[in-house]
PDB file of N, CA and C in Angstrom:
ATOM      1  N   MET A   1      26.516 -76.379 -30.201  1.00  0.00           N
ATOM      2  CA  MET A   1      26.442 -77.590 -29.402  1.00  0.00           C
ATOM      3  C   MET A   1      26.690 -77.305 -27.922  1.00  0.00           C
ATOM      4  N   MET A   2      27.580 -76.343 -27.635  1.00  0.00           N
ATOM      5  CA  MET A   2      27.917 -76.075 -26.238  1.00  0.00           C
ATOM      6  C   MET A   2      26.761 -75.447 -25.481  1.00  0.00           C
ATOM      7  N   ARG A   3      25.862 -74.787 -26.176  1.00  0.00           N
ATOM      8  CA  ARG A   3      24.732 -74.131 -25.509  1.00  0.00           C
ATOM      9  C   ARG A   3      23.438 -74.914 -25.622  1.00  0.00           C
ATOM     10  N   ALA A   4      23.501 -76.086 -26.214  1.00  0.00           N
ATOM     11  CA  ALA A   4      22.302 -76.902 -26.359  1.00  0.00           C
ATOM     12  C   ALA A   4      21.848 -77.411 -24.994  1.00  0.00           C
ATOM     13  N   PRO A   5      20.535 -77.487 -24.765  1.00  0.00           N
ATOM     14  CA  PRO A   5      20.032 -78.032 -23.496  1.00  0.00           C
ATOM     15  C   PRO A   5      20.514 -79.466 -23.310  1.00  0.00           C
ATOM     16  N   LEU A   6      20.747 -79.846 -22.078  1.00  0.00           N
ATOM     17  CA  LEU A   6      21.190 -81.211 -21.813  1.00  0.00           C
ATOM     18  C   LEU A   6      20.653 -81.673 -20.481  1.00  0.00           C
ATOM     19  N   GLU A   7      20.633 -82.975 -20.319  1.00  0.00           N
ATOM     20  CA  GLU A   7      20.252 -83.552 -19.035  1.00  0.00           C
ATOM     21  C   GLU A   7      21.530 -83.870 -18.281  1.00  0.00           C
ATOM     22  N   SER A   8      21.478 -83.705 -16.961  1.00  0.00           N
ATOM     23  CA  SER A   8      22.675 -83.900 -16.158  1.00  0.00           C
ATOM     24  C   SER A   8      22.320 -84.654 -14.890  1.00  0.00           C
ATOM     25  N   LEU A   9      23.283 -85.405 -14.389  1.00  0.00           N
ATOM     26  CA  LEU A   9      23.085 -86.142 -13.146  1.00  0.00           C
ATOM     27  C   LEU A   9      23.434 -85.297 -11.924  1.00  0.00           C
ATOM     28  N   ASN A  10      24.023 -84.142 -12.132  1.00  0.00           N
ATOM     29  CA  ASN A  10      24.390 -83.276 -11.009  1.00  0.00           C
ATOM     30  C   ASN A  10      24.135 -81.827 -11.391  1.00  0.00           C
ATOM     31  N   SER A  11      24.550 -80.909 -10.529  1.00  0.00           N
ATOM     32  CA  SER A  11      24.266 -79.497 -10.781  1.00  0.00           C
ATOM     33  C   SER A  11      25.432 -78.753 -11.410  1.00  0.00           C
ATOM     34  N   VAL A  12      26.332 -79.464 -12.039  1.00  0.00           N
ATOM     35  CA  VAL A  12      27.470 -78.811 -12.700  1.00  0.00           C
ATOM     36  C   VAL A  12      26.942 -78.043 -13.908  1.00  0.00           C
ATOM     37  N   PRO A  13      27.278 -76.755 -14.031  1.00  0.00           N
ATOM     38  CA  PRO A  13      26.765 -75.985 -15.167  1.00  0.00           C
ATOM     39  C   PRO A  13      27.338 -76.473 -16.484  1.00  0.00           C
ATOM     40  N   SER A  14      26.587 -76.237 -17.551  1.00  0.00           N
ATOM     41  CA  SER A  14      27.085 -76.620 -18.868  1.00  0.00           C
ATOM     42  C   SER A  14      28.207 -75.677 -19.267  1.00  0.00           C
ATOM     43  N   MET A  15      28.864 -75.993 -20.363  1.00  0.00           N
ATOM     44  CA  MET A  15      30.000 -75.202 -20.823  1.00  0.00           C
ATOM     45  C   MET A  15      29.523 -73.934 -21.528  1.00  0.00           C
ATOM     46  N   PHE A  16      30.284 -72.871 -21.365  1.00  0.00           N
ATOM     47  CA  PHE A  16      30.000 -71.615 -22.033  1.00  0.00           C
ATOM     48  C   PHE A  16      31.212 -71.211 -22.849  1.00  0.00           C
ATOM     49  N   LEU A  17      30.992 -70.767 -24.058  1.00  0.00           N
ATOM     50  CA  LEU A  17      32.074 -70.316 -24.918  1.00  0.00           C
ATOM     51  C   LEU A  17      32.435 -68.888 -24.530  1.00  0.00           C
ATOM     52  N   LEU A  18      33.678 -68.685 -24.133  1.00  0.00           N
ATOM     53  CA  LEU A  18      34.160 -67.369 -23.749  1.00  0.00           C
ATOM     54  C   LEU A  18      35.374 -67.014 -24.596  1.00  0.00           C
ATOM     55  N   THR A  19      35.532 -65.755 -24.887  1.00  0.00           N
ATOM     56  CA  THR A  19      36.724 -65.308 -25.590  1.00  0.00           C
ATOM     57  C   THR A  19      37.452 -64.308 -24.702  1.00  0.00           C
ATOM     58  N   GLY A  20      38.733 -64.197 -24.886  1.00  0.00           N
ATOM     59  CA  GLY A  20      39.513 -63.254 -24.106  1.00  0.00           C
ATOM     60  C   GLY A  20      40.968 -63.664 -24.075  1.00  0.00           C
ATOM     61  N   THR A  21      41.721 -62.976 -23.273  1.00  0.00           N
ATOM     62  CA  THR A  21      43.142 -63.254 -23.116  1.00  0.00           C
ATOM     63  C   THR A  21      43.354 -64.091 -21.866  1.00  0.00           C
ATOM     64  N   ILE A  22      44.053 -65.191 -21.998  1.00  0.00           N
ATOM     65  CA  ILE A  22      44.346 -66.049 -20.865  1.00  0.00           C
ATOM     66  C   ILE A  22      45.575 -65.497 -20.154  1.00  0.00           C
ATOM     67  N   VAL A  23      45.457 -65.314 -18.839  1.00  0.00           N
ATOM     68  CA  VAL A  23      46.575 -64.849 -18.022  1.00  0.00           C
ATOM     69  C   VAL A  23      46.807 -65.899 -16.940  1.00  0.00           C
ATOM     70  N   THR A  24      47.950 -66.577 -17.015  1.00  0.00           N
ATOM     71  CA  THR A  24      48.289 -67.578 -16.004  1.00  0.00           C
ATOM     72  C   THR A  24      48.986 -66.901 -14.832  1.00  0.00           C
ATOM     73  N   GLU A  25      49.285 -67.684 -13.814  1.00  0.00           N
ATOM     74  CA  GLU A  25      50.024 -67.155 -12.676  1.00  0.00           C
ATOM     75  C   GLU A  25      51.356 -66.568 -13.123  1.00  0.00           C
ATOM     76  N   ILE A  26      51.996 -67.205 -14.084  1.00  0.00           N
ATOM     77  CA  ILE A  26      53.298 -66.737 -14.568  1.00  0.00           C
ATOM     78  C   ILE A  26      53.177 -65.358 -15.197  1.00  0.00           C
ATOM     79  N   GLU A  27      52.210 -65.178 -16.085  1.00  0.00           N
ATOM     80  CA  GLU A  27      52.020 -63.866 -16.705  1.00  0.00           C
ATOM     81  C   GLU A  27      51.574 -62.829 -15.682  1.00  0.00           C
ATOM     82  N   ALA A  28      50.704 -63.224 -14.758  1.00  0.00           N
ATOM     83  CA  ALA A  28      50.212 -62.276 -13.751  1.00  0.00           C
ATOM     84  C   ALA A  28      51.356 -61.747 -12.888  1.00  0.00           C
ATOM     85  N   LEU A  29      52.247 -62.622 -12.450  1.00  0.00           N
ATOM     86  CA  LEU A  29      53.368 -62.170 -11.636  1.00  0.00           C
ATOM     87  C   LEU A  29      54.304 -61.264 -12.433  1.00  0.00           C
ATOM     88  N   ALA A  30      54.502 -61.571 -13.703  1.00  0.00           N
ATOM     89  CA  ALA A  30      55.344 -60.710 -14.545  1.00  0.00           C
ATOM     90  C   ALA A  30      54.721 -59.327 -14.695  1.00  0.00           C
ATOM     91  N   ILE A  31      53.415 -59.288 -14.924  1.00  0.00           N
ATOM     92  CA  ILE A  31      52.720 -58.012 -15.106  1.00  0.00           C
ATOM     93  C   ILE A  31      52.718 -57.204 -13.803  1.00  0.00           C
ATOM     94  N   LEU A  32      52.409 -57.866 -12.682  1.00  0.00           N
ATOM     95  CA  LEU A  32      52.212 -57.165 -11.417  1.00  0.00           C
ATOM     96  C   LEU A  32      53.498 -56.832 -10.665  1.00  0.00           C
ATOM     97  N   SER A  33      54.553 -57.645 -10.869  1.00  0.00           N
ATOM     98  CA  SER A  33      55.766 -57.419 -10.077  1.00  0.00           C
ATOM     99  C   SER A  33      57.036 -57.272 -10.905  1.00  0.00           C
ATOM    100  N   GLY A  34      56.980 -57.656 -12.177  1.00  0.00           N
ATOM    101  CA  GLY A  34      58.156 -57.536 -13.029  1.00  0.00           C
ATOM    102  C   GLY A  34      59.100 -58.724 -12.985  1.00  0.00           C
ATOM    103  N   VAL A  35      58.752 -59.780 -12.238  1.00  0.00           N
ATOM    104  CA  VAL A  35      59.622 -60.952 -12.183  1.00  0.00           C
ATOM    105  C   VAL A  35      59.453 -61.803 -13.437  1.00  0.00           C
ATOM    106  N   SER A  36      60.418 -62.671 -13.674  1.00  0.00           N
ATOM    107  CA  SER A  36      60.211 -63.751 -14.641  1.00  0.00           C
ATOM    108  C   SER A  36      60.002 -65.011 -13.804  1.00  0.00           C
ATOM    109  N   ALA A  37      59.118 -65.865 -14.233  1.00  0.00           N
ATOM    110  CA  ALA A  37      58.780 -67.049 -13.451  1.00  0.00           C
ATOM    111  C   ALA A  37      58.679 -68.256 -14.359  1.00  0.00           C
ATOM    112  N   PHE A  38      58.945 -69.428 -13.781  1.00  0.00           N
ATOM    113  CA  PHE A  38      58.693 -70.663 -14.513  1.00  0.00           C
ATOM    114  C   PHE A  38      58.205 -71.717 -13.537  1.00  0.00           C
ATOM    115  N   GLN A  39      57.409 -72.632 -14.072  1.00  0.00           N
ATOM    116  CA  GLN A  39      56.767 -73.657 -13.259  1.00  0.00           C
ATOM    117  C   GLN A  39      57.715 -74.825 -13.065  1.00  0.00           C
ATOM    118  N   VAL A  40      57.813 -75.299 -11.811  1.00  0.00           N
ATOM    119  CA  VAL A  40      58.660 -76.451 -11.501  1.00  0.00           C
ATOM    120  C   VAL A  40      57.864 -77.623 -10.949  1.00  0.00           C
ATOM    121  N   GLY A  41      56.571 -77.421 -10.669  1.00  0.00           N
ATOM    122  CA  GLY A  41      55.747 -78.503 -10.157  1.00  0.00           C
ATOM    123  C   GLY A  41      54.291 -78.101 -10.165  1.00  0.00           C
ATOM    124  N   ALA A  42      53.418 -79.096  -9.979  1.00  0.00           N
ATOM    125  CA  ALA A  42      51.983 -78.818  -9.959  1.00  0.00           C
ATOM    126  C   ALA A  42      51.269 -79.916  -9.198  1.00  0.00           C
ATOM    127  N   GLY A  43      50.090 -79.562  -8.707  1.00  0.00           N
ATOM    128  CA  GLY A  43      49.233 -80.537  -8.051  1.00  0.00           C
ATOM    129  C   GLY A  43      49.581 -80.707  -6.592  1.00  0.00           C
ATOM    130  N   GLY A  44      48.848 -81.560  -5.946  1.00  0.00           N
ATOM    131  CA  GLY A  44      49.085 -81.810  -4.538  1.00  0.00           C
ATOM    132  C   GLY A  44      47.920 -82.547  -3.924  1.00  0.00           C
ATOM    133  N   ILE A  45      47.969 -82.672  -2.607  1.00  0.00           N
ATOM    134  CA  ILE A  45      46.907 -83.332  -1.850  1.00  0.00           C
ATOM    135  C   ILE A  45      46.556 -82.448  -0.661  1.00  0.00           C
ATOM    136  N   GLY A  46      45.498 -82.788   0.029  1.00  0.00           N
ATOM    137  CA  GLY A  46      45.126 -82.078   1.247  1.00  0.00           C
ATOM    138  C   GLY A  46      44.783 -80.616   1.024  1.00  0.00           C
ATOM    139  N   GLY A  47      44.110 -80.319  -0.088  1.00  0.00           N
ATOM    140  CA  GLY A  47      43.732 -78.944  -0.382  1.00  0.00           C
ATOM    141  C   GLY A  47      44.639 -78.258  -1.383  1.00  0.00           C
ATOM    142  N   ALA A  48      45.751 -78.877  -1.735  1.00  0.00           N
ATOM    143  CA  ALA A  48      46.678 -78.270  -2.697  1.00  0.00           C
ATOM    144  C   ALA A  48      46.437 -78.766  -4.127  1.00  0.00           C
ATOM    145  N   GLU A  49      45.340 -79.472  -4.341  1.00  0.00           N
ATOM    146  CA  GLU A  49      45.034 -79.937  -5.692  1.00  0.00           C
ATOM    147  C   GLU A  49      44.906 -78.718  -6.603  1.00  0.00           C
ATOM    148  N   GLY A  50      45.557 -78.768  -7.750  1.00  0.00           N
ATOM    149  CA  GLY A  50      45.513 -77.646  -8.681  1.00  0.00           C
ATOM    150  C   GLY A  50      46.564 -76.588  -8.394  1.00  0.00           C
ATOM    151  N   ALA A  51      47.368 -76.799  -7.366  1.00  0.00           N
ATOM    152  CA  ALA A  51      48.405 -75.825  -7.021  1.00  0.00           C
ATOM    153  C   ALA A  51      49.521 -75.840  -8.060  1.00  0.00           C
ATOM    154  N   VAL A  52      50.220 -74.734  -8.174  1.00  0.00           N
ATOM    155  CA  VAL A  52      51.423 -74.668  -9.001  1.00  0.00           C
ATOM    156  C   VAL A  52      52.590 -74.247  -8.122  1.00  0.00           C
ATOM    157  N   HIS A  53      53.753 -74.727  -8.465  1.00  0.00           N
ATOM    158  CA  HIS A  53      54.984 -74.374  -7.759  1.00  0.00           C
ATOM    159  C   HIS A  53      55.858 -73.633  -8.760  1.00  0.00           C
ATOM    160  N   LEU A  54      56.224 -72.410  -8.417  1.00  0.00           N
ATOM    161  CA  LEU A  54      56.948 -71.546  -9.339  1.00  0.00           C
ATOM    162  C   LEU A  54      58.286 -71.129  -8.756  1.00  0.00           C
ATOM    163  N   ILE A  55      59.235 -70.887  -9.633  1.00  0.00           N
ATOM    164  CA  ILE A  55      60.468 -70.196  -9.274  1.00  0.00           C
ATOM    165  C   ILE A  55      60.382 -68.835  -9.934  1.00  0.00           C
ATOM    166  N   VAL A  56      60.661 -67.795  -9.150  1.00  0.00           N
ATOM    167  CA  VAL A  56      60.622 -66.438  -9.690  1.00  0.00           C
ATOM    168  C   VAL A  56      62.019 -65.844  -9.643  1.00  0.00           C
ATOM    169  N   ARG A  57      62.307 -65.033 -10.648  1.00  0.00           N
ATOM    170  CA  ARG A  57      63.603 -64.371 -10.723  1.00  0.00           C
ATOM    171  C   ARG A  57      63.393 -62.894 -10.982  1.00  0.00           C
ATOM    172  N   GLY A  58      64.186 -62.089 -10.309  1.00  0.00           N
ATOM    173  CA  GLY A  58      64.143 -60.650 -10.468  1.00  0.00           C
ATOM    174  C   GLY A  58      65.014 -60.027  -9.404  1.00  0.00           C
ATOM    175  N   ASN A  59      64.979 -58.711  -9.311  1.00  0.00           N
ATOM    176  CA  ASN A  59      65.744 -58.090  -8.237  1.00  0.00           C
ATOM    177  C   ASN A  59      65.000 -58.286  -6.919  1.00  0.00           C
ATOM    178  N   ARG A  60      65.629 -57.910  -5.822  1.00  0.00           N
ATOM    179  CA  ARG A  60      65.064 -58.161  -4.492  1.00  0.00           C
ATOM    180  C   ARG A  60      63.659 -57.584  -4.349  1.00  0.00           C
ATOM    181  N   GLU A  61      63.454 -56.360  -4.795  1.00  0.00           N
ATOM    182  CA  GLU A  61      62.139 -55.717  -4.655  1.00  0.00           C
ATOM    183  C   GLU A  61      61.080 -56.436  -5.479  1.00  0.00           C
ATOM    184  N   GLN A  62      61.438 -56.849  -6.696  1.00  0.00           N
ATOM    185  CA  GLN A  62      60.485 -57.560  -7.546  1.00  0.00           C
ATOM    186  C   GLN A  62      60.080 -58.896  -6.917  1.00  0.00           C
ATOM    187  N   VAL A  63      61.058 -59.634  -6.413  1.00  0.00           N
ATOM    188  CA  VAL A  63      60.769 -60.941  -5.808  1.00  0.00           C
ATOM    189  C   VAL A  63      59.933 -60.759  -4.544  1.00  0.00           C
ATOM    190  N   GLN A  64      60.251 -59.777  -3.728  1.00  0.00           N
ATOM    191  CA  GLN A  64      59.453 -59.537  -2.523  1.00  0.00           C
ATOM    192  C   GLN A  64      58.020 -59.161  -2.880  1.00  0.00           C
ATOM    193  N   GLU A  65      57.839 -58.368  -3.929  1.00  0.00           N
ATOM    194  CA  GLU A  65      56.484 -58.013  -4.367  1.00  0.00           C
ATOM    195  C   GLU A  65      55.742 -59.249  -4.866  1.00  0.00           C
ATOM    196  N   ALA A  66      56.424 -60.115  -5.626  1.00  0.00           N
ATOM    197  CA  ALA A  66      55.798 -61.350  -6.104  1.00  0.00           C
ATOM    198  C   ALA A  66      55.378 -62.230  -4.929  1.00  0.00           C
ATOM    199  N   LEU A  67      56.229 -62.325  -3.906  1.00  0.00           N
ATOM    200  CA  LEU A  67      55.877 -63.108  -2.719  1.00  0.00           C
ATOM    201  C   LEU A  67      54.696 -62.494  -1.983  1.00  0.00           C
ATOM    202  N   ARG A  68      54.645 -61.169  -1.888  1.00  0.00           N
ATOM    203  CA  ARG A  68      53.520 -60.497  -1.241  1.00  0.00           C
ATOM    204  C   ARG A  68      52.219 -60.787  -1.995  1.00  0.00           C
ATOM    205  N   ILE A  69      52.280 -60.727  -3.325  1.00  0.00           N
ATOM    206  CA  ILE A  69      51.100 -60.998  -4.150  1.00  0.00           C
ATOM    207  C   ILE A  69      50.633 -62.438  -3.947  1.00  0.00           C
ATOM    208  N   ALA A  70      51.573 -63.389  -3.995  1.00  0.00           N
ATOM    209  CA  ALA A  70      51.217 -64.801  -3.817  1.00  0.00           C
ATOM    210  C   ALA A  70      50.597 -65.028  -2.439  1.00  0.00           C
ATOM    211  N   ALA A  71      51.172 -64.420  -1.401  1.00  0.00           N
ATOM    212  CA  ALA A  71      50.638 -64.590  -0.047  1.00  0.00           C
ATOM    213  C   ALA A  71      49.238 -63.996   0.077  1.00  0.00           C
ATOM    214  N   SER A  72      48.958 -62.938  -0.684  1.00  0.00           N
ATOM    215  CA  SER A  72      47.651 -62.286  -0.574  1.00  0.00           C
ATOM    216  C   SER A  72      46.517 -63.121  -1.156  1.00  0.00           C
ATOM    217  N   VAL A  73      46.829 -64.061  -2.043  1.00  0.00           N
ATOM    218  CA  VAL A  73      45.777 -64.890  -2.637  1.00  0.00           C
ATOM    219  C   VAL A  73      45.837 -66.347  -2.177  1.00  0.00           C
ATOM    220  N   GLN A  74      46.872 -66.713  -1.461  1.00  0.00           N
ATOM    221  CA  GLN A  74      47.007 -68.088  -0.996  1.00  0.00           C
ATOM    222  C   GLN A  74      45.917 -68.393   0.004  1.00  0.00           C
ATOM    223  N   GLY A  75      45.285 -69.550  -0.151  1.00  0.00           N
ATOM    224  CA  GLY A  75      44.240 -69.966   0.775  1.00  0.00           C
ATOM    225  C   GLY A  75      42.852 -69.460   0.441  1.00  0.00           C
ATOM    226  N   GLU A  76      42.692 -68.873  -0.747  1.00  0.00           N
ATOM    227  CA  GLU A  76      41.350 -68.447  -1.142  1.00  0.00           C
ATOM    228  C   GLU A  76      40.425 -69.659  -1.208  1.00  0.00           C
ATOM    229  N   PRO A  77      39.140 -69.472  -0.908  1.00  0.00           N
ATOM    230  CA  PRO A  77      38.221 -70.607  -0.996  1.00  0.00           C
ATOM    231  C   PRO A  77      38.065 -71.077  -2.435  1.00  0.00           C
ATOM    232  N   ALA A  78      37.644 -72.312  -2.584  1.00  0.00           N
ATOM    233  CA  ALA A  78      37.436 -72.895  -3.904  1.00  0.00           C
ATOM    234  C   ALA A  78      36.417 -72.083  -4.689  1.00  0.00           C
ATOM    235  N   PHE A  79      36.635 -71.960  -6.000  1.00  0.00           N
ATOM    236  CA  PHE A  79      35.728 -71.215  -6.862  1.00  0.00           C
ATOM    237  C   PHE A  79      34.395 -71.944  -7.008  1.00  0.00           C
ATOM    238  N   VAL A  80      34.445 -73.275  -7.145  1.00  0.00           N
ATOM    239  CA  VAL A  80      33.239 -74.102  -7.296  1.00  0.00           C
ATOM    240  C   VAL A  80      33.269 -75.157  -6.210  1.00  0.00           C
ATOM    241  N   LYS A  81      32.151 -75.314  -5.521  1.00  0.00           N
ATOM    242  CA  LYS A  81      32.080 -76.343  -4.470  1.00  0.00           C
ATOM    243  C   LYS A  81      31.169 -77.447  -4.891  1.00  0.00           C
TER     244      LYS A  81
END
């Protein structure tokens, strides 16, 4: 059903079935910097829609690395326009 042809009112692509491992921001920071993280907020306005607010815990070097990683991807353009 997900791959069946359909008519659409806009150019949004149809759904595709994908398999794999889901890695959230929390898992990514743990893998890349060794911190533990948990979400304390989400969403926003003025371009922050879809944002997450995290608290990270670890030693000083781990937390600084997590902050460096977050800063390196902050402000990326939208995936779909």
